[in-house]
């Protein structure tokens, strides 16, 4: 079947796929006017940094555990047939990613607003 605008259709489809699935947003943070509110927000920032440090430590621990389990797996399967290795050796799966960074951000936003700050969501022009 011949489509005269097949190339144009492919370009439009590629553009649509690259553009993403929905609108994108920018967030504007407006601090509270009082000194007490600013001190409160500084505390929120400290808590977020602490949360992010804990997240990095967790990721490093997961990576180290995975590497140790992979070494044990490689050692276990040495000298075995594929079938024996499949039945006798535990093959670890990589612990992909962490959702705590999202949680750290959400916790910060909640803390920020509890201190009297406002967060405005602004839709970016397409």
PDB file of N, CA and C in Angstrom:
ATOM      1  N   UNK A   1       0.846  -1.180   0.000  1.00  0.00           N
ATOM      2  CA  UNK A   1       0.000   0.000   0.000  1.00  0.00           C
ATOM      3  C   UNK A   1       0.888   1.238   0.000  1.00  0.00           C
ATOM      4  N   UNK A   2       0.638   2.143  -0.896  1.00  0.00           N
ATOM      5  CA  UNK A   2       1.426   3.364  -1.033  1.00  0.00           C
ATOM      6  C   UNK A   2       0.763   4.505  -0.277  1.00  0.00           C
ATOM      7  N   UNK A   3       1.543   5.149   0.597  1.00  0.00           N
ATOM      8  CA  UNK A   3       1.065   6.336   1.316  1.00  0.00           C
ATOM      9  C   UNK A   3       1.929   7.509   0.879  1.00  0.00           C
ATOM     10  N   UNK A   4       1.343   8.511   0.198  1.00  0.00           N
ATOM     11  CA  UNK A   4       2.136   9.609  -0.337  1.00  0.00           C
ATOM     12  C   UNK A   4       2.842  10.438   0.737  1.00  0.00           C
ATOM     13  N   UNK A   5       2.309  10.501   1.918  1.00  0.00           N
ATOM     14  CA  UNK A   5       2.895  11.337   2.960  1.00  0.00           C
ATOM     15  C   UNK A   5       3.455  10.495   4.096  1.00  0.00           C
ATOM     16  N   UNK A   6       3.970   9.312   3.761  1.00  0.00           N
ATOM     17  CA  UNK A   6       4.487   8.403   4.774  1.00  0.00           C
ATOM     18  C   UNK A   6       5.643   9.042   5.553  1.00  0.00           C
ATOM     19  N   UNK A   7       6.516   9.762   4.883  1.00  0.00           N
ATOM     20  CA  UNK A   7       7.640  10.430   5.551  1.00  0.00           C
ATOM     21  C   UNK A   7       7.160  11.503   6.510  1.00  0.00           C
ATOM     22  N   UNK A   8       6.164  12.279   6.093  1.00  0.00           N
ATOM     23  CA  UNK A   8       5.593  13.319   6.946  1.00  0.00           C
ATOM     24  C   UNK A   8       4.927  12.700   8.163  1.00  0.00           C
ATOM     25  N   UNK A   9       4.222  11.612   7.936  1.00  0.00           N
ATOM     26  CA  UNK A   9       3.559  10.911   9.036  1.00  0.00           C
ATOM     27  C   UNK A   9       4.594  10.417  10.056  1.00  0.00           C
ATOM     28  N   UNK A  10       5.702   9.889   9.573  1.00  0.00           N
ATOM     29  CA  UNK A  10       6.760   9.408  10.471  1.00  0.00           C
ATOM     30  C   UNK A  10       7.359  10.557  11.282  1.00  0.00           C
ATOM     31  N   UNK A  11       7.575  11.698  10.654  1.00  0.00           N
ATOM     32  CA  UNK A  11       8.123  12.867  11.354  1.00  0.00           C
ATOM     33  C   UNK A  11       7.141  13.362  12.411  1.00  0.00           C
ATOM     34  N   UNK A  12       5.864  13.438  12.062  1.00  0.00           N
ATOM     35  CA  UNK A  12       4.854  13.876  13.025  1.00  0.00           C
ATOM     36  C   UNK A  12       4.756  12.915  14.203  1.00  0.00           C
ATOM     37  N   UNK A  13       4.799  11.623  13.931  1.00  0.00           N
ATOM     38  CA  UNK A  13       4.745  10.627  14.985  1.00  0.00           C
ATOM     39  C   UNK A  13       5.966  10.744  15.898  1.00  0.00           C
ATOM     40  N   UNK A  14       7.140  10.907  15.327  1.00  0.00           N
ATOM     41  CA  UNK A  14       8.358  11.060  16.126  1.00  0.00           C
ATOM     42  C   UNK A  14       8.289  12.320  16.980  1.00  0.00           C
ATOM     43  N   UNK A  15       7.803  13.407  16.426  1.00  0.00           N
ATOM     44  CA  UNK A  15       7.670  14.658  17.174  1.00  0.00           C
ATOM     45  C   UNK A  15       6.711  14.483  18.337  1.00  0.00           C
ATOM     46  N   UNK A  16       5.614  13.811  18.104  1.00  0.00           N
ATOM     47  CA  UNK A  16       4.628  13.577  19.161  1.00  0.00           C
ATOM     48  C   UNK A  16       5.229  12.728  20.280  1.00  0.00           C
ATOM     49  N   UNK A  17       5.986  11.692  19.915  1.00  0.00           N
ATOM     50  CA  UNK A  17       6.595  10.825  20.926  1.00  0.00           C
ATOM     51  C   UNK A  17       7.652  11.569  21.742  1.00  0.00           C
ATOM     52  N   UNK A  18       8.416  12.410  21.097  1.00  0.00           N
ATOM     53  CA  UNK A  18       9.463  13.169  21.796  1.00  0.00           C
ATOM     54  C   UNK A  18       8.865  14.215  22.723  1.00  0.00           C
ATOM     55  N   UNK A  19       7.718  14.767  22.353  1.00  0.00           N
ATOM     56  CA  UNK A  19       7.135  15.866  23.126  1.00  0.00           C
ATOM     57  C   UNK A  19       6.618  15.430  24.491  1.00  0.00           C
ATOM     58  N   UNK A  20       6.487  14.158  24.739  1.00  0.00           N
ATOM     59  CA  UNK A  20       6.025  13.693  26.046  1.00  0.00           C
ATOM     60  C   UNK A  20       4.537  13.444  26.067  1.00  0.00           C
ATOM     61  N   UNK A  21       4.080  13.036  27.225  1.00  0.00           N
ATOM     62  CA  UNK A  21       2.691  12.607  27.341  1.00  0.00           C
ATOM     63  C   UNK A  21       1.785  13.650  27.977  1.00  0.00           C
ATOM     64  N   UNK A  22       2.286  14.756  28.374  1.00  0.00           N
ATOM     65  CA  UNK A  22       1.428  15.738  29.017  1.00  0.00           C
ATOM     66  C   UNK A  22       2.162  17.041  29.224  1.00  0.00           C
ATOM     67  N   UNK A  23       1.480  17.968  29.819  1.00  0.00           N
ATOM     68  CA  UNK A  23       2.107  19.281  30.038  1.00  0.00           C
ATOM     69  C   UNK A  23       3.212  19.196  31.091  1.00  0.00           C
ATOM     70  N   UNK A  24       4.148  20.112  31.017  1.00  0.00           N
ATOM     71  CA  UNK A  24       5.197  20.189  32.038  1.00  0.00           C
ATOM     72  C   UNK A  24       4.957  21.435  32.885  1.00  0.00           C
ATOM     73  N   UNK A  25       5.452  21.392  34.092  1.00  0.00           N
ATOM     74  CA  UNK A  25       5.185  22.470  35.047  1.00  0.00           C
ATOM     75  C   UNK A  25       6.468  22.967  35.685  1.00  0.00           C
ATOM     76  N   UNK A  26       6.433  24.226  36.090  1.00  0.00           N
ATOM     77  CA  UNK A  26       7.475  24.853  36.888  1.00  0.00           C
ATOM     78  C   UNK A  26       6.819  25.252  38.207  1.00  0.00           C
ATOM     79  N   UNK A  27       7.584  25.207  39.276  1.00  0.00           N
ATOM     80  CA  UNK A  27       7.031  25.547  40.583  1.00  0.00           C
ATOM     81  C   UNK A  27       7.719  26.792  41.117  1.00  0.00           C
ATOM     82  N   UNK A  28       6.924  27.741  41.598  1.00  0.00           N
ATOM     83  CA  UNK A  28       7.441  28.974  42.174  1.00  0.00           C
ATOM     84  C   UNK A  28       7.204  28.930  43.683  1.00  0.00           C
ATOM     85  N   UNK A  29       8.300  28.983  44.420  1.00  0.00           N
ATOM     86  CA  UNK A  29       8.247  28.953  45.883  1.00  0.00           C
ATOM     87  C   UNK A  29       8.300  30.381  46.405  1.00  0.00           C
ATOM     88  N   UNK A  30       7.308  30.760  47.204  1.00  0.00           N
ATOM     89  CA  UNK A  30       7.269  32.087  47.824  1.00  0.00           C
ATOM     90  C   UNK A  30       7.348  31.904  49.335  1.00  0.00           C
ATOM     91  N   UNK A  31       8.433  32.386  49.932  1.00  0.00           N
ATOM     92  CA  UNK A  31       8.612  32.183  51.380  1.00  0.00           C
ATOM     93  C   UNK A  31       7.654  33.051  52.191  1.00  0.00           C
ATOM     94  N   UNK A  32       7.440  32.675  53.439  1.00  0.00           N
ATOM     95  CA  UNK A  32       6.602  33.496  54.311  1.00  0.00           C
ATOM     96  C   UNK A  32       7.325  34.801  54.641  1.00  0.00           C
ATOM     97  N   UNK A  33       6.586  35.847  54.975  1.00  0.00           N
ATOM     98  CA  UNK A  33       7.217  37.148  55.226  1.00  0.00           C
ATOM     99  C   UNK A  33       7.924  37.252  56.581  1.00  0.00           C
ATOM    100  N   UNK A  34       7.600  36.402  57.527  1.00  0.00           N
ATOM    101  CA  UNK A  34       8.145  36.558  58.882  1.00  0.00           C
ATOM    102  C   UNK A  34       9.499  35.857  59.040  1.00  0.00           C
ATOM    103  N   UNK A  35      10.272  36.351  60.007  1.00  0.00           N
ATOM    104  CA  UNK A  35      11.560  35.735  60.336  1.00  0.00           C
ATOM    105  C   UNK A  35      11.344  34.324  60.882  1.00  0.00           C
ATOM    106  N   UNK A  36      10.289  34.168  61.674  1.00  0.00           N
ATOM    107  CA  UNK A  36       9.977  32.835  62.206  1.00  0.00           C
ATOM    108  C   UNK A  36       9.699  31.848  61.064  1.00  0.00           C
ATOM    109  N   UNK A  37       8.963  32.294  60.059  1.00  0.00           N
ATOM    110  CA  UNK A  37       8.666  31.454  58.894  1.00  0.00           C
ATOM    111  C   UNK A  37       9.924  31.084  58.137  1.00  0.00           C
ATOM    112  N   UNK A  38      10.847  32.035  58.007  1.00  0.00           N
ATOM    113  CA  UNK A  38      12.110  31.769  57.310  1.00  0.00           C
ATOM    114  C   UNK A  38      12.958  30.761  58.097  1.00  0.00           C
ATOM    115  N   UNK A  39      12.989  30.880  59.426  1.00  0.00           N
ATOM    116  CA  UNK A  39      13.710  29.900  60.245  1.00  0.00           C
ATOM    117  C   UNK A  39      13.100  28.516  60.082  1.00  0.00           C
ATOM    118  N   UNK A  40      11.783  28.476  60.023  1.00  0.00           N
ATOM    119  CA  UNK A  40      11.071  27.222  59.825  1.00  0.00           C
ATOM    120  C   UNK A  40      11.465  26.594  58.483  1.00  0.00           C
ATOM    121  N   UNK A  41      11.527  27.401  57.424  1.00  0.00           N
ATOM    122  CA  UNK A  41      11.896  26.898  56.096  1.00  0.00           C
ATOM    123  C   UNK A  41      13.348  26.421  56.087  1.00  0.00           C
ATOM    124  N   UNK A  42      14.230  27.106  56.815  1.00  0.00           N
ATOM    125  CA  UNK A  42      15.614  26.630  56.924  1.00  0.00           C
ATOM    126  C   UNK A  42      15.657  25.244  57.554  1.00  0.00           C
ATOM    127  N   UNK A  43      14.793  25.019  58.523  1.00  0.00           N
ATOM    128  CA  UNK A  43      14.696  23.702  59.148  1.00  0.00           C
ATOM    129  C   UNK A  43      14.199  22.669  58.128  1.00  0.00           C
ATOM    130  N   UNK A  44      13.242  23.052  57.291  1.00  0.00           N
ATOM    131  CA  UNK A  44      12.749  22.150  56.233  1.00  0.00           C
ATOM    132  C   UNK A  44      13.889  21.776  55.287  1.00  0.00           C
ATOM    133  N   UNK A  45      14.710  22.758  54.935  1.00  0.00           N
ATOM    134  CA  UNK A  45      15.835  22.509  54.026  1.00  0.00           C
ATOM    135  C   UNK A  45      16.827  21.535  54.652  1.00  0.00           C
ATOM    136  N   UNK A  46      17.091  21.695  55.934  1.00  0.00           N
ATOM    137  CA  UNK A  46      18.003  20.777  56.634  1.00  0.00           C
ATOM    138  C   UNK A  46      17.444  19.357  56.637  1.00  0.00           C
ATOM    139  N   UNK A  47      16.152  19.236  56.877  1.00  0.00           N
ATOM    140  CA  UNK A  47      15.517  17.909  56.871  1.00  0.00           C
ATOM    141  C   UNK A  47      15.592  17.278  55.487  1.00  0.00           C
ATOM    142  N   UNK A  48      15.405  18.087  54.438  1.00  0.00           N
ATOM    143  CA  UNK A  48      15.483  17.545  53.070  1.00  0.00           C
ATOM    144  C   UNK A  48      16.895  17.063  52.768  1.00  0.00           C
ATOM    145  N   UNK A  49      17.913  17.847  53.152  1.00  0.00           N
ATOM    146  CA  UNK A  49      19.302  17.416  52.932  1.00  0.00           C
ATOM    147  C   UNK A  49      19.585  16.108  53.668  1.00  0.00           C
ATOM    148  N   UNK A  50      19.099  15.995  54.897  1.00  0.00           N
ATOM    149  CA  UNK A  50      19.288  14.774  55.673  1.00  0.00           C
ATOM    150  C   UNK A  50      18.591  13.598  54.979  1.00  0.00           C
ATOM    151  N   UNK A  51      17.390  13.799  54.502  1.00  0.00           N
ATOM    152  CA  UNK A  51      16.642  12.767  53.784  1.00  0.00           C
ATOM    153  C   UNK A  51      17.415  12.322  52.533  1.00  0.00           C
ATOM    154  N   UNK A  52      17.975  13.271  51.788  1.00  0.00           N
ATOM    155  CA  UNK A  52      18.719  12.948  50.578  1.00  0.00           C
ATOM    156  C   UNK A  52      20.006  12.195  50.905  1.00  0.00           C
ATOM    157  N   UNK A  53      20.660  12.546  52.018  1.00  0.00           N
ATOM    158  CA  UNK A  53      21.855  11.810  52.440  1.00  0.00           C
ATOM    159  C   UNK A  53      21.500  10.365  52.774  1.00  0.00           C
ATOM    160  N   UNK A  54      20.398  10.179  53.484  1.00  0.00           N
ATOM    161  CA  UNK A  54      19.953   8.819  53.811  1.00  0.00           C
ATOM    162  C   UNK A  54      19.617   8.036  52.541  1.00  0.00           C
ATOM    163  N   UNK A  55      19.028   8.708  51.577  1.00  0.00           N
ATOM    164  CA  UNK A  55      18.714   8.054  50.306  1.00  0.00           C
ATOM    165  C   UNK A  55      19.994   7.581  49.613  1.00  0.00           C
ATOM    166  N   UNK A  56      21.016   8.436  49.564  1.00  0.00           N
ATOM    167  CA  UNK A  56      22.282   8.043  48.928  1.00  0.00           C
ATOM    168  C   UNK A  56      22.926   6.871  49.665  1.00  0.00           C
ATOM    169  N   UNK A  57      22.887   6.896  50.991  1.00  0.00           N
ATOM    170  CA  UNK A  57      23.440   5.780  51.768  1.00  0.00           C
ATOM    171  C   UNK A  57      22.699   4.485  51.456  1.00  0.00           C
ATOM    172  N   UNK A  58      21.393   4.556  51.370  1.00  0.00           N
ATOM    173  CA  UNK A  58      20.581   3.371  51.044  1.00  0.00           C
ATOM    174  C   UNK A  58      20.925   2.837  49.660  1.00  0.00           C
ATOM    175  N   UNK A  59      21.045   3.728  48.685  1.00  0.00           N
ATOM    176  CA  UNK A  59      21.396   3.299  47.327  1.00  0.00           C
ATOM    177  C   UNK A  59      22.773   2.647  47.301  1.00  0.00           C
ATOM    178  N   UNK A  60      23.744   3.228  48.015  1.00  0.00           N
ATOM    179  CA  UNK A  60      25.085   2.648  48.073  1.00  0.00           C
ATOM    180  C   UNK A  60      25.061   1.274  48.733  1.00  0.00           C
ATOM    181  N   UNK A  61      24.270   1.119  49.775  1.00  0.00           N
ATOM    182  CA  UNK A  61      24.146  -0.170  50.455  1.00  0.00           C
ATOM    183  C   UNK A  61      23.528  -1.208  49.532  1.00  0.00           C
ATOM    184  N   UNK A  62      22.478  -0.820  48.816  1.00  0.00           N
ATOM    185  CA  UNK A  62      21.839  -1.747  47.879  1.00  0.00           C
ATOM    186  C   UNK A  62      22.797  -2.163  46.771  1.00  0.00           C
ATOM    187  N   UNK A  63      23.566  -1.213  46.265  1.00  0.00           N
ATOM    188  CA  UNK A  63      24.531  -1.513  45.204  1.00  0.00           C
ATOM    189  C   UNK A  63      25.605  -2.467  45.705  1.00  0.00           C
ATOM    190  N   UNK A  64      26.118  -2.226  46.917  1.00  0.00           N
ATOM    191  CA  UNK A  64      27.155  -3.089  47.488  1.00  0.00           C
ATOM    192  C   UNK A  64      26.615  -4.502  47.731  1.00  0.00           C
ATOM    193  N   UNK A  65      25.402  -4.608  48.232  1.00  0.00           N
ATOM    194  CA  UNK A  65      24.795  -5.919  48.454  1.00  0.00           C
ATOM    195  C   UNK A  65      24.616  -6.659  47.138  1.00  0.00           C
ATOM    196  N   UNK A  66      24.141  -5.961  46.118  1.00  0.00           N
ATOM    197  CA  UNK A  66      23.964  -6.584  44.805  1.00  0.00           C
ATOM    198  C   UNK A  66      25.299  -7.092  44.262  1.00  0.00           C
ATOM    199  N   UNK A  67      26.351  -6.287  44.386  1.00  0.00           N
ATOM    200  CA  UNK A  67      27.658  -6.708  43.892  1.00  0.00           C
ATOM    201  C   UNK A  67      28.167  -7.935  44.636  1.00  0.00           C
ATOM    202  N   UNK A  68      27.966  -7.979  45.940  1.00  0.00           N
ATOM    203  CA  UNK A  68      28.381  -9.144  46.725  1.00  0.00           C
ATOM    204  C   UNK A  68      27.582 -10.379  46.310  1.00  0.00           C
ATOM    205  N   UNK A  69      26.267 -10.216  46.104  1.00  0.00           N
ATOM    206  CA  UNK A  69      25.436 -11.339  45.677  1.00  0.00           C
ATOM    207  C   UNK A  69      25.820 -11.823  44.284  1.00  0.00           C
ATOM    208  N   UNK A  70      26.214 -10.907  43.403  1.00  0.00           N
ATOM    209  CA  UNK A  70      26.650 -11.297  42.060  1.00  0.00           C
ATOM    210  C   UNK A  70      27.965 -12.072  42.121  1.00  0.00           C
ATOM    211  N   UNK A  71      28.885 -11.650  42.987  1.00  0.00           N
ATOM    212  CA  UNK A  71      30.143 -12.401  43.143  1.00  0.00           C
ATOM    213  C   UNK A  71      29.861 -13.809  43.657  1.00  0.00           C
ATOM    214  N   UNK A  72      28.949 -13.940  44.616  1.00  0.00           N
ATOM    215  CA  UNK A  72      28.578 -15.252  45.150  1.00  0.00           C
ATOM    216  C   UNK A  72      27.937 -16.106  44.054  1.00  0.00           C
ATOM    217  N   UNK A  73      27.113 -15.487  43.226  1.00  0.00           N
ATOM    218  CA  UNK A  73      26.473 -16.205  42.124  1.00  0.00           C
ATOM    219  C   UNK A  73      27.519 -16.698  41.121  1.00  0.00           C
ATOM    220  N   UNK A  74      28.448 -15.819  40.747  1.00  0.00           N
ATOM    221  CA  UNK A  74      29.500 -16.202  39.800  1.00  0.00           C
ATOM    222  C   UNK A  74      30.323 -17.360  40.363  1.00  0.00           C
ATOM    223  N   UNK A  75      30.659 -17.293  41.635  1.00  0.00           N
ATOM    224  CA  UNK A  75      31.426 -18.353  42.294  1.00  0.00           C
ATOM    225  C   UNK A  75      30.619 -19.657  42.303  1.00  0.00           C
ATOM    226  N   UNK A  76      29.336 -19.573  42.615  1.00  0.00           N
ATOM    227  CA  UNK A  76      28.467 -20.748  42.698  1.00  0.00           C
ATOM    228  C   UNK A  76      28.351 -21.465  41.357  1.00  0.00           C
ATOM    229  N   UNK A  77      28.214 -20.724  40.276  1.00  0.00           N
ATOM    230  CA  UNK A  77      27.977 -21.364  38.983  1.00  0.00           C
ATOM    231  C   UNK A  77      29.250 -21.855  38.306  1.00  0.00           C
ATOM    232  N   UNK A  78      30.416 -21.527  38.863  1.00  0.00           N
ATOM    233  CA  UNK A  78      31.676 -21.981  38.289  1.00  0.00           C
ATOM    234  C   UNK A  78      31.730 -23.511  38.316  1.00  0.00           C
ATOM    235  N   UNK A  79      31.995 -24.100  37.160  1.00  0.00           N
ATOM    236  CA  UNK A  79      32.122 -25.550  37.056  1.00  0.00           C
ATOM    237  C   UNK A  79      30.805 -26.292  36.958  1.00  0.00           C
ATOM    238  N   UNK A  80      29.686 -25.597  36.909  1.00  0.00           N
ATOM    239  CA  UNK A  80      28.373 -26.243  36.814  1.00  0.00           C
ATOM    240  C   UNK A  80      27.800 -26.027  35.417  1.00  0.00           C
ATOM    241  N   UNK A  81      26.937 -26.940  35.009  1.00  0.00           N
ATOM    242  CA  UNK A  81      26.224 -26.743  33.746  1.00  0.00           C
ATOM    243  C   UNK A  81      25.204 -25.624  33.963  1.00  0.00           C
ATOM    244  N   UNK A  82      24.684 -25.117  32.867  1.00  0.00           N
ATOM    245  CA  UNK A  82      23.674 -24.052  32.980  1.00  0.00           C
ATOM    246  C   UNK A  82      22.465 -24.526  33.784  1.00  0.00           C
ATOM    247  N   UNK A  83      22.069 -25.768  33.551  1.00  0.00           N
ATOM    248  CA  UNK A  83      20.904 -26.306  34.255  1.00  0.00           C
ATOM    249  C   UNK A  83      21.192 -26.429  35.749  1.00  0.00           C
ATOM    250  N   UNK A  84      22.375 -26.926  36.105  1.00  0.00           N
ATOM    251  CA  UNK A  84      22.739 -27.047  37.524  1.00  0.00           C
ATOM    252  C   UNK A  84      22.818 -25.674  38.185  1.00  0.00           C
ATOM    253  N   UNK A  85      23.415 -24.722  37.482  1.00  0.00           N
ATOM    254  CA  UNK A  85      23.535 -23.366  38.033  1.00  0.00           C
ATOM    255  C   UNK A  85      22.158 -22.744  38.242  1.00  0.00           C
ATOM    256  N   UNK A  86      21.245 -22.980  37.292  1.00  0.00           N
ATOM    257  CA  UNK A  86      19.901 -22.424  37.403  1.00  0.00           C
ATOM    258  C   UNK A  86      19.171 -22.983  38.622  1.00  0.00           C
ATOM    259  N   UNK A  87      19.408 -24.249  38.936  1.00  0.00           N
ATOM    260  CA  UNK A  87      18.719 -24.882  40.060  1.00  0.00           C
ATOM    261  C   UNK A  87      19.416 -24.678  41.403  1.00  0.00           C
ATOM    262  N   UNK A  88      20.730 -24.496  41.390  1.00  0.00           N
ATOM    263  CA  UNK A  88      21.488 -24.471  42.644  1.00  0.00           C
ATOM    264  C   UNK A  88      22.012 -23.106  43.062  1.00  0.00           C
ATOM    265  N   UNK A  89      22.020 -22.156  42.147  1.00  0.00           N
ATOM    266  CA  UNK A  89      22.630 -20.856  42.450  1.00  0.00           C
ATOM    267  C   UNK A  89      21.586 -19.741  42.383  1.00  0.00           C
ATOM    268  N   UNK A  90      21.567 -18.918  43.399  1.00  0.00           N
ATOM    269  CA  UNK A  90      20.656 -17.775  43.443  1.00  0.00           C
ATOM    270  C   UNK A  90      21.234 -16.652  42.595  1.00  0.00           C
ATOM    271  N   UNK A  91      20.479 -16.231  41.569  1.00  0.00           N
ATOM    272  CA  UNK A  91      20.898 -15.106  40.743  1.00  0.00           C
ATOM    273  C   UNK A  91      20.162 -13.863  41.220  1.00  0.00           C
ATOM    274  N   UNK A  92      20.895 -12.906  41.765  1.00  0.00           N
ATOM    275  CA  UNK A  92      20.230 -11.704  42.308  1.00  0.00           C
ATOM    276  C   UNK A  92      19.667 -10.814  41.208  1.00  0.00           C
ATOM    277  N   UNK A  93      18.655 -10.063  41.557  1.00  0.00           N
ATOM    278  CA  UNK A  93      18.134  -9.055  40.639  1.00  0.00           C
ATOM    279  C   UNK A  93      18.534  -7.695  41.205  1.00  0.00           C
ATOM    280  N   UNK A  94      18.853  -6.785  40.316  1.00  0.00           N
ATOM    281  CA  UNK A  94      19.328  -5.474  40.754  1.00  0.00           C
ATOM    282  C   UNK A  94      18.182  -4.680  41.366  1.00  0.00           C
ATOM    283  N   UNK A  95      18.405  -4.093  42.526  1.00  0.00           N
ATOM    284  CA  UNK A  95      17.355  -3.275  43.168  1.00  0.00           C
ATOM    285  C   UNK A  95      17.272  -1.907  42.503  1.00  0.00           C
ATOM    286  N   UNK A  96      16.504  -1.822  41.433  1.00  0.00           N
ATOM    287  CA  UNK A  96      16.448  -0.597  40.643  1.00  0.00           C
ATOM    288  C   UNK A  96      15.848   0.564  41.410  1.00  0.00           C
ATOM    289  N   UNK A  97      16.594   1.660  41.421  1.00  0.00           N
ATOM    290  CA  UNK A  97      16.106   2.944  41.900  1.00  0.00           C
ATOM    291  C   UNK A  97      15.558   2.964  43.314  1.00  0.00           C
ATOM    292  N   UNK A  98      15.090   4.132  43.639  1.00  0.00           N
ATOM    293  CA  UNK A  98      14.527   4.366  44.953  1.00  0.00           C
ATOM    294  C   UNK A  98      13.457   5.424  44.828  1.00  0.00           C
ATOM    295  N   UNK A  99      12.406   5.290  45.578  1.00  0.00           N
ATOM    296  CA  UNK A  99      11.325   6.266  45.499  1.00  0.00           C
ATOM    297  C   UNK A  99      11.449   7.337  46.578  1.00  0.00           C
ATOM    298  N   UNK A 100      12.499   7.257  47.404  1.00  0.00           N
ATOM    299  CA  UNK A 100      12.581   8.191  48.519  1.00  0.00           C
ATOM    300  C   UNK A 100      12.890   9.618  48.085  1.00  0.00           C
ATOM    301  N   UNK A 101      13.526   9.813  46.898  1.00  0.00           N
ATOM    302  CA  UNK A 101      13.795  11.187  46.455  1.00  0.00           C
ATOM    303  C   UNK A 101      12.485  11.918  46.225  1.00  0.00           C
ATOM    304  N   UNK A 102      11.517  11.199  45.687  1.00  0.00           N
ATOM    305  CA  UNK A 102      10.194  11.800  45.508  1.00  0.00           C
ATOM    306  C   UNK A 102       9.593  12.114  46.872  1.00  0.00           C
ATOM    307  N   UNK A 103       9.765  11.217  47.793  1.00  0.00           N
ATOM    308  CA  UNK A 103       9.249  11.423  49.142  1.00  0.00           C
ATOM    309  C   UNK A 103       9.949  12.605  49.814  1.00  0.00           C
ATOM    310  N   UNK A 104      11.262  12.723  49.641  1.00  0.00           N
ATOM    311  CA  UNK A 104      11.995  13.848  50.238  1.00  0.00           C
ATOM    312  C   UNK A 104      11.443  15.167  49.711  1.00  0.00           C
ATOM    313  N   UNK A 105      11.176  15.228  48.421  1.00  0.00           N
ATOM    314  CA  UNK A 105      10.624  16.451  47.833  1.00  0.00           C
ATOM    315  C   UNK A 105       9.227  16.753  48.324  1.00  0.00           C
ATOM    316  N   UNK A 106       8.398  15.721  48.406  1.00  0.00           N
ATOM    317  CA  UNK A 106       7.026  15.916  48.897  1.00  0.00           C
ATOM    318  C   UNK A 106       7.032  16.348  50.350  1.00  0.00           C
ATOM    319  N   UNK A 107       7.898  15.717  51.151  1.00  0.00           N
ATOM    320  CA  UNK A 107       7.993  16.093  52.567  1.00  0.00           C
ATOM    321  C   UNK A 107       8.438  17.549  52.700  1.00  0.00           C
ATOM    322  N   UNK A 108       9.404  17.967  51.867  1.00  0.00           N
ATOM    323  CA  UNK A 108       9.875  19.349  51.902  1.00  0.00           C
ATOM    324  C   UNK A 108       8.744  20.308  51.556  1.00  0.00           C
ATOM    325  N   UNK A 109       7.997  19.980  50.502  1.00  0.00           N
ATOM    326  CA  UNK A 109       6.895  20.859  50.093  1.00  0.00           C
ATOM    327  C   UNK A 109       5.858  20.998  51.204  1.00  0.00           C
ATOM    328  N   UNK A 110       5.534  19.885  51.856  1.00  0.00           N
ATOM    329  CA  UNK A 110       4.567  19.933  52.965  1.00  0.00           C
ATOM    330  C   UNK A 110       5.097  20.797  54.101  1.00  0.00           C
ATOM    331  N   UNK A 111       6.357  20.615  54.435  1.00  0.00           N
ATOM    332  CA  UNK A 111       6.985  21.395  55.500  1.00  0.00           C
ATOM    333  C   UNK A 111       6.992  22.886  55.130  1.00  0.00           C
ATOM    334  N   UNK A 112       7.358  23.187  53.875  1.00  0.00           N
ATOM    335  CA  UNK A 112       7.427  24.566  53.382  1.00  0.00           C
ATOM    336  C   UNK A 112       6.078  25.267  53.549  1.00  0.00           C
ATOM    337  N   UNK A 113       5.025  24.578  53.160  1.00  0.00           N
ATOM    338  CA  UNK A 113       3.693  25.186  53.263  1.00  0.00           C
ATOM    339  C   UNK A 113       3.233  25.287  54.727  1.00  0.00           C
ATOM    340  N   UNK A 114       3.631  24.322  55.559  1.00  0.00           N
ATOM    341  CA  UNK A 114       3.284  24.380  56.981  1.00  0.00           C
ATOM    342  C   UNK A 114       3.972  25.568  57.660  1.00  0.00           C
ATOM    343  N   UNK A 115       5.091  26.017  57.101  1.00  0.00           N
ATOM    344  CA  UNK A 115       5.806  27.177  57.645  1.00  0.00           C
ATOM    345  C   UNK A 115       5.190  28.501  57.180  1.00  0.00           C
ATOM    346  N   UNK A 116       4.218  28.426  56.300  1.00  0.00           N
ATOM    347  CA  UNK A 116       3.573  29.645  55.815  1.00  0.00           C
ATOM    348  C   UNK A 116       3.980  30.032  54.411  1.00  0.00           C
ATOM    349  N   UNK A 117       4.850  29.245  53.786  1.00  0.00           N
ATOM    350  CA  UNK A 117       5.241  29.522  52.408  1.00  0.00           C
ATOM    351  C   UNK A 117       4.176  29.017  51.450  1.00  0.00           C
ATOM    352  N   UNK A 118       4.224  29.495  50.223  1.00  0.00           N
ATOM    353  CA  UNK A 118       3.290  29.028  49.204  1.00  0.00           C
ATOM    354  C   UNK A 118       4.073  28.476  48.024  1.00  0.00           C
ATOM    355  N   UNK A 119       3.462  27.512  47.355  1.00  0.00           N
ATOM    356  CA  UNK A 119       4.067  26.911  46.164  1.00  0.00           C
ATOM    357  C   UNK A 119       3.048  27.026  45.049  1.00  0.00           C
ATOM    358  N   UNK A 120       3.443  27.714  43.992  1.00  0.00           N
ATOM    359  CA  UNK A 120       2.554  27.936  42.867  1.00  0.00           C
ATOM    360  C   UNK A 120       3.008  27.055  41.705  1.00  0.00           C
ATOM    361  N   UNK A 121       2.095  26.271  41.147  1.00  0.00           N
ATOM    362  CA  UNK A 121       2.392  25.428  39.997  1.00  0.00           C
ATOM    363  C   UNK A 121       2.036  26.195  38.733  1.00  0.00           C
ATOM    364  N   UNK A 122       3.030  26.332  37.848  1.00  0.00           N
ATOM    365  CA  UNK A 122       2.859  27.107  36.619  1.00  0.00           C
ATOM    366  C   UNK A 122       3.061  26.182  35.424  1.00  0.00           C
ATOM    367  N   UNK A 123       2.063  26.123  34.554  1.00  0.00           N
ATOM    368  CA  UNK A 123       2.168  25.268  33.368  1.00  0.00           C
ATOM    369  C   UNK A 123       3.093  25.936  32.364  1.00  0.00           C
ATOM    370  N   UNK A 124       4.078  25.178  31.885  1.00  0.00           N
ATOM    371  CA  UNK A 124       5.014  25.686  30.897  1.00  0.00           C
ATOM    372  C   UNK A 124       4.339  25.737  29.529  1.00  0.00           C
ATOM    373  N   UNK A 125       4.631  26.764  28.734  1.00  0.00           N
ATOM    374  CA  UNK A 125       4.057  26.815  27.393  1.00  0.00           C
ATOM    375  C   UNK A 125       4.658  25.690  26.534  1.00  0.00           C
ATOM    376  N   UNK A 126       3.823  25.092  25.717  1.00  0.00           N
ATOM    377  CA  UNK A 126       4.290  23.965  24.876  1.00  0.00           C
ATOM    378  C   UNK A 126       5.031  24.407  23.674  1.00  0.00           C
TER     379      UNK A 126
END
